[in-house]
Every structure is written in C-alpha cells, then in structure tokens.
C-alpha cells in the first residue's frame, strides 16, 4: 500500500528537503587499462559515448580501443520501509531517456553539491593521500531523501528510504588489476524507522560494441549483446554476440557481487558458516534480465517499485533461459540486474557495506574474429574473464593476520618504473629510473625485486585496438646470480652516469635503444618491473599500461628550412594517397596523410589546381600532439610526436571529402616567411 506524501510527513515527522543544491559530476578511472565512468548521483557510464566517441569513456576496455561495454547502470536499494510500504530507490532504470536527468523517473538519488573526490595511494601522485585505498580512489556521496530537484519533482518518488550512500571506486595499476575496479558502497539508514527485508543490487544496461567502427544506431546498436551468469562467481556477464563491426575486439564485461559487511560479519553466500553461526539466514545473489520493450513472461520488465522488489528478491528462471540469453534470440536490448539479500533489517541509524566489481576481459586470440569468435561463449572463451574475477575476489578478501582482515592487502609487484621516451633519427630511446629495486612487498616484508621487461606494440595494433593488450616482450633484464630468470644483469643498459632532463625531477638510471622505426606509425612502449614471487605467490609484474607511452617516429623540426638540399625539403606521405591507407580507420573521418620536414612553426595550405584553398593547417612543434579524429579514436593523450610532422585527415576546411586528383600545397615558415611548395595525389 502506498502512503501519500502528506501522510508520510505526519507519520514520520521527517522533513523532506524540497530543493537539491546539487552539482552533477562525472569522472573516469584512468590508472589501469579499463575506463569506467562514475557520477555523483550513483550512476555508471557515459550514455552518449555511442554518439560522441571523444571524451570520457563509458566502460571501455582496452582503454583507447573504442570497445565500450555500458550505456548506463546504477545502484538499487529495496526494502519494506517502516513495516508498511515496499520501496525500491533507484539511481537508474530502463527508460527511453538518453541518460540521467533531474526529475526523470528512476533517477532518485541526488547530492548536496559535492563533486567526486579523487585520491591516490601512490606516493608520487599529486593526489596522494594516506587515506587512499588504491592507486585511484573515486569517492561520491548521494542520497534518495529528496523528492524534488530544484523545482522539478522526481517522478514516482514520493516515499524515499532516506538512504545515504557513500560510493568508493578503487582501481590499481598492477598487472593483475588492469581490467577491474572494485566499488564499495556504505549505505546508511538516516530515517527514524527501520528497513526490513533489504536487498541491494546493480541495475545495468550493458551493451558491448566498438563505438569507433559501428555503423548501427538505435535499436540495432543495442540488440547484439549476449548475456550470461556465472553461478559460482556471482557474476553477470555480457559480450558482443552478433555484430559485424570491423575491426573490433571480442570482449566480456561483468558485474560481480563480491560481498557485504553487515553486523560484524561477511554477509554473502561465500561465508555461510559465519552467517548461520550468527543466527541469520544465508542471503542469495540473484541475477535477473528483461527486455527494454515488449517483453513477456520472465523477460517482461518491472514497471513499479513492487515489481522491482520482486525482481530483487525472487529467483529468476535462469536455467531455461541461459541459451536465449547467450544468443540473444529475442533480438532485443536486454537489461540486467544482480542483487544481494535479504538483509533481515537495517535499523534507523545503522550502516552496512556492499561491494561489487566491474570486470572486463578479452576472449583468447583464437576467438578474435567476426563470425564464430563473436558467438562463442564457453569455459574456454570465458577463462580470461574468470581469472580477472578471481583476482577481484582475492583483492576483496585481502589478508588476514591475528584474526584481523585487511581488505585489499595482497602481495604486490615492485613500484612502476618512471619512463621517459626520446625520439631520435630512426630510433626510439627509452630511459627509466631504478626506484623499483627498493620496493618492499607489503605482505612478505621482503625486498623481492627481480628485473625489468621492455614491451613494444606491433604495427596495426592501434587500428585493431590491441596496443595495450598485445604488446610484445622485446627484452628482459634481471638480477644475476640467483635461481630466477635469465641472470642477465643490468650492465648493458645501466648508464655510466645517471641522466636528468630539464624540468623533470627524475634521475634516470637505464637506457635502451630501439632501431628500425617506421615514420608515421604509432608504437606503444612500456617498461615493467617484476618480482621473484614465492610462498605460493607467482611472480608479480607491474601493468604495461602504468607507464606506457605512444610514439610516432618521423622527422624532427626542420632547422634548415631555407636550404635547397633534398634532405631539407618538405613532403607528404603516403604520396600518392590511396583510399584506406594501412593506418586509416574505417570511416571517412579517420584517414591520415602526413606532412614532414616542417619548421618549428608553419602554416600548411592545400590547393586545387585552380588555386582554390581547400585546407589550412597550423603547425606548432612545441604543442602539436595530433588534432584529427584519427588521434581521438586510435591513440591516447600520452603520446609523443617527432616535431617536424603534421597529420591531415584529407578533409576540406568545410569538412568535405576531397575527390581523386592532383593537389598543390605550400608550407610557410611562420618565423621567416620562407615558403616551400609541393604536389600530392589522392586516388579513390
């Protein structure tokens, strides 16, 4: 039975704020290889990422690949409030609206004007805090207690639970955490009545698509996702089962209910003995799925709080629907829910915690293809996902000593080497420091550094979106004279004298050169540190992505621009340009032609044979890092260009495609006014 708002005030004596002085804020995880956005109103994701691919990710893995896994998601808290009404407070629901919007039904959490707090446990981070749990904490606080935002009533939200929520997202840059983030919710009942039969869950509109390469919109964008549930891991998962996007990666996305702390115990199906000993019933983790529209039977979506509560508290018919979910035989957008409960009671003023993990993973290499690889979903294809989920559980469980559990305390790899990359003629030079060698493992207390590994991507990995996941080990150096590794020592890479660079406080100890670099191509370089492991713990390594730098070899700044020598002449490559050069993306907006041998500051103009200017480019070597959509789609901000090269997307200043033909160009040195000219050919 519903209670009217006027009756609510009389019965409870609670004053409900009518206006929320809130500020909407969204931030994303950046410390590992997974980009997950959160907001300060309890939602996950950036819903318009499918239309605006530049900007924050939604739930992207690998980061920078364009492979997204989420429209929008959020927390649900369901309970019987005060022994009468059944209420579910939701931060997101199935809706035709594009995203969170104040006053829209289902978006029932607001904040008090607080933005997302970010802090880090890394001592070298400018956001370092001794209170930080992980390498990147994102902390938001919000509540369902308001029924009005500004002057806009929140639709169908007359009976709040008066739940205050503190949401803490934890991410690390270890090699084994590069594709997961853990979220801790601290939920407090601020009402003067108890909540009974409490359930907490994560609603998600998880959609796996490559937003850089898909050409589908509307329903066809959302209806290709296959889904499933891992009973023994308490995890829902999703994958792109049927799209023909190319290139794209075959990946999984998962939401895992890790646990909860309630009245001094681990309140989760993984800890039945502890719960039964305390006199409570063991809770369940329950998945549920429904169609966005026109669903029937088990796939019919909940329409009100009572139906939502039933989805959280009743077992969904999973057994007979595993195959329809896996293949998405309904050809529909399928919504997901995973919940934990019941908590028998949450008294007025009482708090409890709820932990989930967001996990992503690549399918094995043998399943990275458009047809069977996309449809495949079995124990083999899910093995990398299960491994990542197990690491999330291991982090959550932490380490127990003297009867005290310290969550998130696990053996760690050494510190991440500080890496600097310099481009020289025809080669890339890597420098890094030796701080990793003094690392102390927080569990064993040992100084267990063993060595360094150097990684480089292969040509075309950027277009395939695999730069951060498929980079190849090119060299390894380790401590000599023990039973680990190759005993190579570090003599061949240690510089006779440490090196410093202007404006950089780091002192670099090691140097490594890579020759044979091809101009115009993008390469990823990284240096990791690894330890010896021991006592049943494998050797642990820092993440490739923790210090990865992307470089574009090519010509440096042309300081002899007025010379008539051939080596000082500007040019373009490839020339002639043929449609869909090897490094091009799949759309007309992700093509790339390179001007080279440019002076420090230059103005480039491209003309038709009739003398009409079709494009003007301004180059400044000191600030240029790529300004076309190609760099937005296939690179990241942490990149290094050679200084004397500038990319053109082969579009006119009016953003029009150019036709086949011969074009002229001029390059003017802004400092001297000297001009060089040339010709280029476009063939389509």
Foldseek 3Di string as FASTA:
>chain_A
DDDFLVVVCVVFVDDFDAAAPADKEKDWDDQFQWTKIAIQLFKIFDQCCLVVVFDGGRTDPRPLQLWHWFNMKGKWKWFAWQVHDTFIQACDDLDPDRDDDFQEARNQKGARHDGWDWAACDPPDPRHDPPDDERIKTKHKIWNRHQHYHNHGRPQRSDGQRKIKIKIKHAYQFALGRFKIKIKIKIWRQGQTKTFQMKMKMKGLTFTDRSQFDPDDDFLRQLQKFWAADQVQLKIKIWRAADQGPPEFTKMKIKTFQFKADPHDTQAQVPQVVQVVVPHDRKYKAKAKAFSDDTDDSRHDDDHSVSVVCNRRDHRPRPVCNVCRLRVVVSGRMMMMIMIDDPGMAHNGRIMMTMMMIGMGGFDPVLNDNPPSRSDDDCNRCVRVVSSSVVVNCQQQADDDPNDTDHRQDWGWFDFWAWDWDADAQKIKIWTADRRQQGATPPVRDSFWWWKWKWKQDFPCLQSSCQQPDTDTDDIATDADDPDDDRRHQVVFFDPAWDDDPPDPDTTGGMDMDGRDDAPTKMKMFMKIWGPADPPGHIIIGGRSSNIEIEGHADAAQPPCVDPDPVQAKDKPPFQAEPCDVLAHDDLQGAKIKIFNHHQWKWKWKADPVGHTFAIDTHHLVDDDADGVNCSNRHDPRYYYRRGMYIDSCAGPVRHHDDWDKMKMWMADPVPRDIDIDIGTYHD
